[in-house]
Amino acid sequence: MPSYPFCCPAGLCFEIGDEGITMETEASVNDDSALCVTAVEGGDNEATTAGAQADGEKLADLGSAVSNGGDTDDGKETVDLKIIWNKNKYDLKIPLDGTGANLKERIHSLTGLPPAMQKVMYKGLLPEDKTLREIKVTNGAKIMVVGSTINDVLAVNTPKEVMQQEVKAEENKKEPLCRQKQHRKVLDKGKPEDIMPSVKGVKERLPTVPLSGMYNKTGGKVRLTFKLEQDQLWIGTKERTEKIPMGSIKNVVTEPIEGHEDYHMMAFQLGPTEASQYWVYWVPAQFVDAIKDTVLGKWQYF
């Protein structure tokens, strides 16, 4: 009968031959789990490796825990979403109790778009600190994402930053805007009767309805509508509505109105010079920061 060498994971080596089982390397085996060789009645010798069996079970456990490159959502209530960015659509399953910040991270893994550069919209700008359940996100909902990659920002951001710094420096040299003649003639009309109420010292998100009741530079009534799904600002008057891509707005200038600091005058710079500024008067102070963040994007300040 030919001999058959055999080594087991316990560190012992044997040779099975005519004379039975011969141990090549001596070792102390005190644990039943380390038993490597079992003699079976009938003349056949079978080698079973308990250690290898245990290792196999561990590998099986590890294999069952491997995910498809994303977070594992086993055992959690999930929701299926359609992510739309840059004319591309992505399917995403995410826990319903995940926050807006969690959603941004998952969008980052899908698109490569950093969370700080994302504007995520679902019935308005999606809050980062609330869960999808709290926001009442439903199964199959479409999530609109607007934003540019780092390379895109670097290509266009530097000139815009320089322009904003120059505009700010120029503003510091001038007298307050509300005292200048071109603005004084509008402000002297007084506060509009149908203007939205203001709250000083408070920051609020944009309302779900247009901001209305304000004046433009000719003293006519104007309303601002923020179309987040289209990344547009609509400036409406009695005569017409201008639909302006937010990415084309170079800067937003604001200043409190003297004697009425709970309201601001605000300019949207639509071109390279101050001559292209579109002025709006009596903007409620609580919405000023939200307007700037929405139009320019928070990444503009990084």
C-alpha atoms as a PDB file:
ATOM      1  CA  MET A   1       0.000   0.000   0.000  1.00  0.00           C
ATOM      2  CA  PRO A   2       1.470   3.354  -0.935  1.00  0.00           C
ATOM      3  CA  SER A   3       1.982   5.938   1.793  1.00  0.00           C
ATOM      4  CA  TYR A   4       0.062   9.197   1.972  1.00  0.00           C
ATOM      5  CA  PRO A   5       1.574  12.185   3.781  1.00  0.00           C
ATOM      6  CA  PHE A   6      -0.860  14.517   5.501  1.00  0.00           C
ATOM      7  CA  CYS A   7      -0.434  17.787   7.470  1.00  0.00           C
ATOM      8  CA  CYS A   8      -3.188  19.445   9.384  1.00  0.00           C
ATOM      9  CA  PRO A   9      -3.720  23.071  10.507  1.00  0.00           C
ATOM     10  CA  ALA A  10      -2.959  22.079  14.096  1.00  0.00           C
ATOM     11  CA  GLY A  11       0.722  21.841  13.143  1.00  0.00           C
ATOM     12  CA  LEU A  12       0.962  18.012  13.113  1.00  0.00           C
ATOM     13  CA  CYS A  13       2.147  15.924  10.139  1.00  0.00           C
ATOM     14  CA  PHE A  14       1.307  12.254   9.578  1.00  0.00           C
ATOM     15  CA  GLU A  15       1.994   9.549   7.043  1.00  0.00           C
ATOM     16  CA  ILE A  16      -0.677   6.933   6.335  1.00  0.00           C
ATOM     17  CA  GLY A  17       0.750   3.619   5.087  1.00  0.00           C
ATOM     18  CA  ASP A  18       0.843  -0.152   5.619  1.00  0.00           C
ATOM     19  CA  GLU A  19       1.939   0.243   9.190  1.00  0.00           C
ATOM     20  CA  GLY A  20      -0.906   2.551  10.006  1.00  0.00           C
ATOM     21  CA  ILE A  21      -0.531   6.215  10.931  1.00  0.00           C
ATOM     22  CA  THR A  22       2.946   7.523  11.653  1.00  0.00           C
ATOM     23  CA  MET A  23       3.405  10.954  13.287  1.00  0.00           C
ATOM     24  CA  GLU A  24       6.216  12.909  11.635  1.00  0.00           C
ATOM     25  CA  THR A  25       6.166  15.895  13.988  1.00  0.00           C
ATOM     26  CA  GLU A  26       5.312  15.568  17.639  1.00  0.00           C
ATOM     27  CA  ALA A  27       3.111  18.156  19.271  1.00  0.00           C
ATOM     28  CA  SER A  28       0.843  18.346  22.266  1.00  0.00           C
ATOM     29  CA  VAL A  29      -2.843  18.293  21.431  1.00  0.00           C
ATOM     30  CA  ASN A  30      -4.965  19.235  24.431  1.00  0.00           C
ATOM     31  CA  ASP A  31      -8.010  20.644  22.637  1.00  0.00           C
ATOM     32  CA  ASP A  32     -10.589  18.432  21.011  1.00  0.00           C
ATOM     33  CA  SER A  33     -11.041  21.098  18.325  1.00  0.00           C
ATOM     34  CA  ALA A  34      -7.440  20.496  17.173  1.00  0.00           C
ATOM     35  CA  LEU A  35      -8.018  16.795  16.429  1.00  0.00           C
ATOM     36  CA  CYS A  36      -6.855  16.152  12.885  1.00  0.00           C
ATOM     37  CA  VAL A  37      -6.960  12.392  12.201  1.00  0.00           C
ATOM     38  CA  THR A  38      -9.686   9.867  12.958  1.00  0.00           C
ATOM     39  CA  ALA A  39      -9.263   6.112  12.367  1.00  0.00           C
ATOM     40  CA  VAL A  40     -12.364   4.546  10.888  1.00  0.00           C
ATOM     41  CA  GLU A  41     -13.056   0.852  11.398  1.00  0.00           C
ATOM     42  CA  GLY A  42     -12.762  -1.214   8.237  1.00  0.00           C
ATOM     43  CA  GLY A  43      -9.181  -0.417   7.265  1.00  0.00           C
ATOM     44  CA  ASP A  44      -9.699   2.981   5.636  1.00  0.00           C
ATOM     45  CA  ASN A  45      -8.108   6.035   7.200  1.00  0.00           C
ATOM     46  CA  GLU A  46      -9.914   9.360   6.801  1.00  0.00           C
ATOM     47  CA  ALA A  47      -8.281  12.685   7.636  1.00  0.00           C
ATOM     48  CA  THR A  48     -10.669  15.367   8.826  1.00  0.00           C
ATOM     49  CA  THR A  49      -9.525  18.817   9.698  1.00  0.00           C
ATOM     50  CA  ALA A  50     -11.619  20.492  12.356  1.00  0.00           C
ATOM     51  CA  GLY A  51      -9.522  23.664  12.198  1.00  0.00           C
ATOM     52  CA  ALA A  52      -9.988  23.879   8.420  1.00  0.00           C
ATOM     53  CA  GLN A  53     -13.715  23.325   8.862  1.00  0.00           C
ATOM     54  CA  ALA A  54     -13.845  26.213  11.335  1.00  0.00           C
ATOM     55  CA  ASP A  55     -11.887  28.414   8.922  1.00  0.00           C
ATOM     56  CA  GLY A  56     -14.360  27.530   6.174  1.00  0.00           C
ATOM     57  CA  GLU A  57     -17.262  28.551   8.355  1.00  0.00           C
ATOM     58  CA  LYS A  58     -15.572  31.878   9.065  1.00  0.00           C
ATOM     59  CA  LEU A  59     -15.012  32.471   5.342  1.00  0.00           C
ATOM     60  CA  ALA A  60     -18.659  31.690   4.667  1.00  0.00           C
ATOM     61  CA  ASP A  61     -19.687  34.228   7.318  1.00  0.00           C
ATOM     62  CA  LEU A  62     -17.397  36.818   5.789  1.00  0.00           C
ATOM     63  CA  GLY A  63     -18.740  36.162   2.325  1.00  0.00           C
ATOM     64  CA  SER A  64     -22.319  36.676   3.447  1.00  0.00           C
ATOM     65  CA  ALA A  65     -21.368  40.072   4.906  1.00  0.00           C
ATOM     66  CA  VAL A  66     -19.866  41.458   1.685  1.00  0.00           C
ATOM     67  CA  SER A  67     -21.962  44.238   0.147  1.00  0.00           C
ATOM     68  CA  ASN A  68     -22.103  45.545  -3.387  1.00  0.00           C
ATOM     69  CA  GLY A  69     -19.824  48.500  -2.774  1.00  0.00           C
ATOM     70  CA  GLY A  70     -22.405  50.477  -0.822  1.00  0.00           C
ATOM     71  CA  ASP A  71     -23.720  50.590   2.705  1.00  0.00           C
ATOM     72  CA  THR A  72     -25.623  47.525   3.846  1.00  0.00           C
ATOM     73  CA  ASP A  73     -29.242  48.328   4.610  1.00  0.00           C
ATOM     74  CA  ASP A  74     -30.254  44.877   5.934  1.00  0.00           C
ATOM     75  CA  GLY A  75     -32.972  45.061   8.550  1.00  0.00           C
ATOM     76  CA  LYS A  76     -33.695  48.749   7.943  1.00  0.00           C
ATOM     77  CA  GLU A  77     -36.752  50.275   6.300  1.00  0.00           C
ATOM     78  CA  THR A  78     -35.512  51.629   2.979  1.00  0.00           C
ATOM     79  CA  VAL A  79     -36.800  53.822   0.198  1.00  0.00           C
ATOM     80  CA  ASP A  80     -35.960  53.676  -3.532  1.00  0.00           C
ATOM     81  CA  LEU A  81     -35.010  57.036  -5.037  1.00  0.00           C
ATOM     82  CA  LYS A  82     -34.279  58.404  -8.513  1.00  0.00           C
ATOM     83  CA  ILE A  83     -31.278  60.734  -8.362  1.00  0.00           C
ATOM     84  CA  ILE A  84     -31.089  63.192 -11.273  1.00  0.00           C
ATOM     85  CA  TRP A  85     -27.871  65.145 -11.822  1.00  0.00           C
ATOM     86  CA  ASN A  86     -26.333  66.667 -14.936  1.00  0.00           C
ATOM     87  CA  LYS A  87     -28.937  64.936 -17.180  1.00  0.00           C
ATOM     88  CA  ASN A  88     -27.961  61.550 -15.699  1.00  0.00           C
ATOM     89  CA  LYS A  89     -30.270  59.334 -13.635  1.00  0.00           C
ATOM     90  CA  TYR A  90     -29.188  57.026 -10.824  1.00  0.00           C
ATOM     91  CA  ASP A  91     -31.156  54.476  -8.784  1.00  0.00           C
ATOM     92  CA  LEU A  92     -30.465  54.581  -5.058  1.00  0.00           C
ATOM     93  CA  LYS A  93     -31.819  52.603  -2.104  1.00  0.00           C
ATOM     94  CA  ILE A  94     -31.264  54.284   1.265  1.00  0.00           C
ATOM     95  CA  PRO A  95     -32.614  53.855   4.828  1.00  0.00           C
ATOM     96  CA  LEU A  96     -35.682  55.980   5.459  1.00  0.00           C
ATOM     97  CA  ASP A  97     -34.184  57.081   8.783  1.00  0.00           C
ATOM     98  CA  GLY A  98     -30.996  58.362   7.102  1.00  0.00           C
ATOM     99  CA  THR A  99     -30.464  62.137   7.167  1.00  0.00           C
ATOM    100  CA  GLY A 100     -30.061  64.598   4.328  1.00  0.00           C
ATOM    101  CA  ALA A 101     -26.318  64.554   5.064  1.00  0.00           C
ATOM    102  CA  ASN A 102     -26.301  60.741   4.649  1.00  0.00           C
ATOM    103  CA  LEU A 103     -28.062  61.132   1.315  1.00  0.00           C
ATOM    104  CA  LYS A 104     -25.408  63.607   0.146  1.00  0.00           C
ATOM    105  CA  GLU A 105     -22.679  61.089   0.994  1.00  0.00           C
ATOM    106  CA  ARG A 106     -24.437  58.405  -1.046  1.00  0.00           C
ATOM    107  CA  ILE A 107     -24.868  60.845  -3.950  1.00  0.00           C
ATOM    108  CA  HIS A 108     -21.138  61.568  -3.699  1.00  0.00           C
ATOM    109  CA  SER A 109     -20.369  57.854  -4.097  1.00  0.00           C
ATOM    110  CA  LEU A 110     -22.642  57.696  -7.159  1.00  0.00           C
ATOM    111  CA  THR A 111     -21.617  60.890  -8.965  1.00  0.00           C
ATOM    112  CA  GLY A 112     -18.275  61.988  -7.532  1.00  0.00           C
ATOM    113  CA  LEU A 113     -19.908  65.312  -6.616  1.00  0.00           C
ATOM    114  CA  PRO A 114     -18.645  66.393  -3.135  1.00  0.00           C
ATOM    115  CA  PRO A 115     -21.428  67.006  -0.565  1.00  0.00           C
ATOM    116  CA  ALA A 116     -20.316  70.623  -0.021  1.00  0.00           C
ATOM    117  CA  MET A 117     -20.958  71.338  -3.702  1.00  0.00           C
ATOM    118  CA  GLN A 118     -24.388  69.723  -3.872  1.00  0.00           C
ATOM    119  CA  LYS A 119     -27.734  71.456  -3.923  1.00  0.00           C
ATOM    120  CA  VAL A 120     -30.165  68.614  -3.229  1.00  0.00           C
ATOM    121  CA  MET A 121     -33.808  69.384  -3.876  1.00  0.00           C
ATOM    122  CA  TYR A 122     -37.012  67.617  -2.881  1.00  0.00           C
ATOM    123  CA  LYS A 123     -39.945  69.988  -2.458  1.00  0.00           C
ATOM    124  CA  GLY A 124     -37.364  72.721  -1.856  1.00  0.00           C
ATOM    125  CA  LEU A 125     -33.792  72.640  -0.592  1.00  0.00           C
ATOM    126  CA  LEU A 126     -33.285  69.370   1.319  1.00  0.00           C
ATOM    127  CA  PRO A 127     -32.203  69.975   4.973  1.00  0.00           C
ATOM    128  CA  GLU A 128     -29.119  68.016   6.044  1.00  0.00           C
ATOM    129  CA  ASP A 129     -30.133  67.534   9.676  1.00  0.00           C
ATOM    130  CA  LYS A 130     -33.529  65.918   9.127  1.00  0.00           C
ATOM    131  CA  THR A 131     -34.255  62.299   8.227  1.00  0.00           C
ATOM    132  CA  LEU A 132     -35.905  61.307   4.968  1.00  0.00           C
ATOM    133  CA  ARG A 133     -38.854  60.080   7.030  1.00  0.00           C
ATOM    134  CA  GLU A 134     -39.251  63.527   8.628  1.00  0.00           C
ATOM    135  CA  ILE A 135     -39.084  65.182   5.206  1.00  0.00           C
ATOM    136  CA  LYS A 136     -41.749  62.688   4.045  1.00  0.00           C
ATOM    137  CA  VAL A 137     -39.709  61.305   1.150  1.00  0.00           C
ATOM    138  CA  THR A 138     -41.776  58.636  -0.633  1.00  0.00           C
ATOM    139  CA  ASN A 139     -40.771  55.507  -2.502  1.00  0.00           C
ATOM    140  CA  GLY A 140     -39.806  56.268  -6.113  1.00  0.00           C
ATOM    141  CA  ALA A 141     -39.309  59.994  -5.415  1.00  0.00           C
ATOM    142  CA  LYS A 142     -37.175  62.029  -7.796  1.00  0.00           C
ATOM    143  CA  ILE A 143     -34.306  63.884  -6.119  1.00  0.00           C
ATOM    144  CA  MET A 144     -32.841  66.773  -8.116  1.00  0.00           C
ATOM    145  CA  VAL A 145     -29.144  67.512  -7.618  1.00  0.00           C
ATOM    146  CA  VAL A 146     -27.407  70.657  -8.838  1.00  0.00           C
ATOM    147  CA  GLY A 147     -23.696  71.270  -8.472  1.00  0.00           C
ATOM    148  CA  SER A 148     -20.293  71.235 -10.088  1.00  0.00           C
ATOM    149  CA  THR A 149     -17.324  68.965  -9.561  1.00  0.00           C
ATOM    150  CA  ILE A 150     -14.098  70.318  -8.076  1.00  0.00           C
ATOM    151  CA  ASN A 151     -12.488  70.586 -11.520  1.00  0.00           C
ATOM    152  CA  ASP A 152     -15.429  72.597 -12.864  1.00  0.00           C
ATOM    153  CA  VAL A 153     -15.315  74.933  -9.870  1.00  0.00           C
ATOM    154  CA  LEU A 154     -11.594  75.528 -10.166  1.00  0.00           C
ATOM    155  CA  ALA A 155     -12.059  76.422 -13.820  1.00  0.00           C
ATOM    156  CA  VAL A 156     -14.566  79.211 -13.149  1.00  0.00           C
ATOM    157  CA  ASN A 157     -14.444  80.056  -9.441  1.00  0.00           C
ATOM    158  CA  THR A 158     -11.252  82.100  -9.269  1.00  0.00           C
ATOM    159  CA  PRO A 159     -12.426  84.967 -11.541  1.00  0.00           C
ATOM    160  CA  LYS A 160     -15.754  85.121  -9.696  1.00  0.00           C
ATOM    161  CA  GLU A 161     -14.049  85.240  -6.289  1.00  0.00           C
ATOM    162  CA  VAL A 162     -11.771  88.038  -7.450  1.00  0.00           C
ATOM    163  CA  MET A 163     -14.785  89.953  -8.752  1.00  0.00           C
ATOM    164  CA  GLN A 164     -16.608  89.588  -5.431  1.00  0.00           C
ATOM    165  CA  GLN A 165     -13.569  90.835  -3.517  1.00  0.00           C
ATOM    166  CA  GLU A 166     -13.246  93.843  -5.811  1.00  0.00           C
ATOM    167  CA  VAL A 167     -16.930  94.663  -5.468  1.00  0.00           C
ATOM    168  CA  LYS A 168     -16.699  94.405  -1.675  1.00  0.00           C
ATOM    169  CA  ALA A 169     -13.624  96.643  -1.543  1.00  0.00           C
ATOM    170  CA  GLU A 170     -15.374  99.195  -3.727  1.00  0.00           C
ATOM    171  CA  GLU A 171     -18.447  99.142  -1.490  1.00  0.00           C
ATOM    172  CA  ASN A 172     -16.336  99.907   1.565  1.00  0.00           C
ATOM    173  CA  LYS A 173     -15.058 103.098  -0.056  1.00  0.00           C
ATOM    174  CA  LYS A 174     -18.516 104.440  -0.839  1.00  0.00           C
ATOM    175  CA  GLU A 175     -21.163 105.972   1.346  1.00  0.00           C
ATOM    176  CA  PRO A 176     -23.971 103.640   2.458  1.00  0.00           C
ATOM    177  CA  LEU A 177     -26.016 102.484  -0.507  1.00  0.00           C
ATOM    178  CA  CYS A 178     -29.304 103.604   1.009  1.00  0.00           C
ATOM    179  CA  ARG A 179     -28.059 107.219   1.049  1.00  0.00           C
ATOM    180  CA  GLN A 180     -27.152 107.300  -2.615  1.00  0.00           C
ATOM    181  CA  LYS A 181     -29.458 109.285  -4.842  1.00  0.00           C
ATOM    182  CA  GLN A 182     -30.456 106.448  -7.168  1.00  0.00           C
ATOM    183  CA  HIS A 183     -31.669 104.377  -4.214  1.00  0.00           C
ATOM    184  CA  ARG A 184     -33.034 107.229  -2.152  1.00  0.00           C
ATOM    185  CA  LYS A 185     -35.760 108.006  -4.688  1.00  0.00           C
ATOM    186  CA  VAL A 186     -37.140 104.481  -4.293  1.00  0.00           C
ATOM    187  CA  LEU A 187     -36.715 104.238  -0.523  1.00  0.00           C
ATOM    188  CA  ASP A 188     -38.383 107.601   0.006  1.00  0.00           C
ATOM    189  CA  LYS A 189     -41.633 106.034  -1.202  1.00  0.00           C
ATOM    190  CA  GLY A 190     -41.682 104.231   2.138  1.00  0.00           C
ATOM    191  CA  LYS A 191     -42.279 100.644   3.037  1.00  0.00           C
ATOM    192  CA  PRO A 192     -44.825  98.882   0.778  1.00  0.00           C
ATOM    193  CA  GLU A 193     -48.108  98.065   2.499  1.00  0.00           C
ATOM    194  CA  ASP A 194     -48.228  94.497   1.183  1.00  0.00           C
ATOM    195  CA  ILE A 195     -44.608  93.633   1.970  1.00  0.00           C
ATOM    196  CA  MET A 196     -43.946  90.313   3.708  1.00  0.00           C
ATOM    197  CA  PRO A 197     -43.377  90.547   7.488  1.00  0.00           C
ATOM    198  CA  SER A 198     -39.748  90.644   8.625  1.00  0.00           C
ATOM    199  CA  VAL A 199     -37.928  89.205  11.640  1.00  0.00           C
ATOM    200  CA  LYS A 200     -34.675  90.886  12.646  1.00  0.00           C
ATOM    201  CA  GLY A 201     -31.807  88.746  13.943  1.00  0.00           C
ATOM    202  CA  VAL A 202     -33.307  85.478  12.680  1.00  0.00           C
ATOM    203  CA  LYS A 203     -32.235  83.308   9.735  1.00  0.00           C
ATOM    204  CA  GLU A 204     -34.908  81.296   7.955  1.00  0.00           C
ATOM    205  CA  ARG A 205     -35.067  78.998   4.949  1.00  0.00           C
ATOM    206  CA  LEU A 206     -36.699  80.310   1.796  1.00  0.00           C
ATOM    207  CA  PRO A 207     -40.486  80.182   1.977  1.00  0.00           C
ATOM    208  CA  THR A 208     -42.378  77.826  -0.318  1.00  0.00           C
ATOM    209  CA  VAL A 209     -44.151  80.801  -1.924  1.00  0.00           C
ATOM    210  CA  PRO A 210     -42.562  83.653  -3.942  1.00  0.00           C
ATOM    211  CA  LEU A 211     -41.182  86.668  -2.071  1.00  0.00           C
ATOM    212  CA  SER A 212     -43.507  89.480  -3.090  1.00  0.00           C
ATOM    213  CA  GLY A 213     -44.499  93.073  -2.354  1.00  0.00           C
ATOM    214  CA  MET A 214     -40.989  94.503  -2.936  1.00  0.00           C
ATOM    215  CA  TYR A 215     -39.897  97.365  -5.234  1.00  0.00           C
ATOM    216  CA  ASN A 216     -37.426  97.393  -8.121  1.00  0.00           C
ATOM    217  CA  LYS A 217     -35.272 100.379  -9.117  1.00  0.00           C
ATOM    218  CA  THR A 218     -38.154 102.059 -11.003  1.00  0.00           C
ATOM    219  CA  GLY A 219     -40.441 101.776  -7.965  1.00  0.00           C
ATOM    220  CA  GLY A 220     -42.547  99.044  -9.560  1.00  0.00           C
ATOM    221  CA  LYS A 221     -43.655  95.960  -7.672  1.00  0.00           C
ATOM    222  CA  VAL A 222     -41.434  92.874  -8.030  1.00  0.00           C
ATOM    223  CA  ARG A 223     -41.518  89.281  -6.786  1.00  0.00           C
ATOM    224  CA  LEU A 224     -38.740  86.688  -6.547  1.00  0.00           C
ATOM    225  CA  THR A 225     -39.428  83.004  -7.253  1.00  0.00           C
ATOM    226  CA  PHE A 226     -36.676  80.439  -6.678  1.00  0.00           C
ATOM    227  CA  LYS A 227     -37.113  77.535  -9.113  1.00  0.00           C
ATOM    228  CA  LEU A 228     -34.698  75.122  -7.467  1.00  0.00           C
ATOM    229  CA  GLU A 229     -35.559  72.201  -9.765  1.00  0.00           C
ATOM    230  CA  GLN A 230     -34.425  74.275 -12.752  1.00  0.00           C
ATOM    231  CA  ASP A 231     -31.676  76.162 -10.885  1.00  0.00           C
ATOM    232  CA  GLN A 232     -33.292  79.438 -11.930  1.00  0.00           C
ATOM    233  CA  LEU A 233     -34.299  82.719 -10.300  1.00  0.00           C
ATOM    234  CA  TRP A 234     -37.520  84.197 -11.704  1.00  0.00           C
ATOM    235  CA  ILE A 235     -37.821  87.979 -11.330  1.00  0.00           C
ATOM    236  CA  GLY A 236     -41.424  88.910 -11.988  1.00  0.00           C
ATOM    237  CA  THR A 237     -43.017  92.307 -12.571  1.00  0.00           C
ATOM    238  CA  LYS A 238     -46.442  93.360 -13.818  1.00  0.00           C
ATOM    239  CA  GLU A 239     -45.109  93.440 -17.379  1.00  0.00           C
ATOM    240  CA  ARG A 240     -42.991  90.251 -17.619  1.00  0.00           C
ATOM    241  CA  THR A 241     -41.004  87.549 -15.838  1.00  0.00           C
ATOM    242  CA  GLU A 242     -37.242  87.188 -16.338  1.00  0.00           C
ATOM    243  CA  LYS A 243     -35.961  83.618 -15.946  1.00  0.00           C
ATOM    244  CA  ILE A 244     -32.299  83.826 -14.913  1.00  0.00           C
ATOM    245  CA  PRO A 245     -29.985  80.780 -14.479  1.00  0.00           C
ATOM    246  CA  MET A 246     -28.496  81.013 -10.988  1.00  0.00           C
ATOM    247  CA  GLY A 247     -25.088  80.043 -12.362  1.00  0.00           C
ATOM    248  CA  SER A 248     -25.018  83.246 -14.434  1.00  0.00           C
ATOM    249  CA  ILE A 249     -25.450  85.531 -11.391  1.00  0.00           C
ATOM    250  CA  LYS A 250     -21.973  86.852 -10.558  1.00  0.00           C
ATOM    251  CA  ASN A 251     -22.651  88.328  -7.138  1.00  0.00           C
ATOM    252  CA  VAL A 252     -25.330  89.284  -4.618  1.00  0.00           C
ATOM    253  CA  VAL A 253     -24.975  92.624  -2.797  1.00  0.00           C
ATOM    254  CA  THR A 254     -27.086  93.419   0.264  1.00  0.00           C
ATOM    255  CA  GLU A 255     -27.337  96.213   2.823  1.00  0.00           C
ATOM    256  CA  PRO A 256     -29.807  96.915   5.646  1.00  0.00           C
ATOM    257  CA  ILE A 257     -32.052  99.920   5.080  1.00  0.00           C
ATOM    258  CA  GLU A 258     -31.289 102.689   7.588  1.00  0.00           C
ATOM    259  CA  GLY A 259     -34.109 103.086  10.069  1.00  0.00           C
ATOM    260  CA  HIS A 260     -35.602  99.776   8.920  1.00  0.00           C
ATOM    261  CA  GLU A 261     -32.786  97.315   9.591  1.00  0.00           C
ATOM    262  CA  ASP A 262     -35.196  94.381   9.511  1.00  0.00           C
ATOM    263  CA  TYR A 263     -35.369  94.918   5.732  1.00  0.00           C
ATOM    264  CA  HIS A 264     -32.568  94.944   3.141  1.00  0.00           C
ATOM    265  CA  MET A 265     -31.933  96.320  -0.298  1.00  0.00           C
ATOM    266  CA  MET A 266     -30.429  93.641  -2.544  1.00  0.00           C
ATOM    267  CA  ALA A 267     -28.767  93.563  -5.966  1.00  0.00           C
ATOM    268  CA  PHE A 268     -28.263  90.575  -8.273  1.00  0.00           C
ATOM    269  CA  GLN A 269     -25.258  91.189 -10.505  1.00  0.00           C
ATOM    270  CA  LEU A 270     -26.126  89.666 -13.879  1.00  0.00           C
ATOM    271  CA  GLY A 271     -22.977  90.719 -15.747  1.00  0.00           C
ATOM    272  CA  PRO A 272     -19.346  91.686 -15.208  1.00  0.00           C
ATOM    273  CA  THR A 273     -19.970  95.283 -14.027  1.00  0.00           C
ATOM    274  CA  GLU A 274     -22.160  97.137 -11.546  1.00  0.00           C
ATOM    275  CA  ALA A 275     -24.234  98.451 -14.436  1.00  0.00           C
ATOM    276  CA  SER A 276     -25.777  94.970 -14.710  1.00  0.00           C
ATOM    277  CA  GLN A 277     -27.084  94.935 -11.122  1.00  0.00           C
ATOM    278  CA  TYR A 278     -30.809  94.336 -10.690  1.00  0.00           C
ATOM    279  CA  TRP A 279     -31.943  96.060  -7.473  1.00  0.00           C
ATOM    280  CA  VAL A 280     -34.740  94.866  -5.200  1.00  0.00           C
ATOM    281  CA  TYR A 281     -35.846  96.888  -2.158  1.00  0.00           C
ATOM    282  CA  TRP A 282     -37.498  95.833   1.113  1.00  0.00           C
ATOM    283  CA  VAL A 283     -36.293  92.226   1.236  1.00  0.00           C
ATOM    284  CA  PRO A 284     -37.173  90.699   4.671  1.00  0.00           C
ATOM    285  CA  ALA A 285     -33.920  90.306   6.644  1.00  0.00           C
ATOM    286  CA  GLN A 286     -34.578  86.715   7.757  1.00  0.00           C
ATOM    287  CA  PHE A 287     -34.341  85.475   4.148  1.00  0.00           C
ATOM    288  CA  VAL A 288     -31.172  87.339   3.076  1.00  0.00           C
ATOM    289  CA  ASP A 289     -28.667  84.575   3.908  1.00  0.00           C
ATOM    290  CA  ALA A 290     -30.904  81.876   2.410  1.00  0.00           C
ATOM    291  CA  ILE A 291     -31.165  83.857  -0.831  1.00  0.00           C
ATOM    292  CA  LYS A 292     -27.379  84.278  -1.079  1.00  0.00           C
ATOM    293  CA  ASP A 293     -26.740  80.605  -0.296  1.00  0.00           C
ATOM    294  CA  THR A 294     -29.327  79.466  -2.829  1.00  0.00           C
ATOM    295  CA  VAL A 295     -28.192  81.742  -5.657  1.00  0.00           C
ATOM    296  CA  LEU A 296     -24.425  81.570  -5.205  1.00  0.00           C
ATOM    297  CA  GLY A 297     -24.211  78.174  -3.519  1.00  0.00           C
ATOM    298  CA  LYS A 298     -22.449  77.606  -0.185  1.00  0.00           C
ATOM    299  CA  TRP A 299     -19.359  76.303  -1.980  1.00  0.00           C
ATOM    300  CA  GLN A 300     -18.716  79.869  -3.175  1.00  0.00           C
ATOM    301  CA  TYR A 301     -17.346  80.703   0.297  1.00  0.00           C
ATOM    302  CA  PHE A 302     -14.899  77.803   0.526  1.00  0.00           C
END
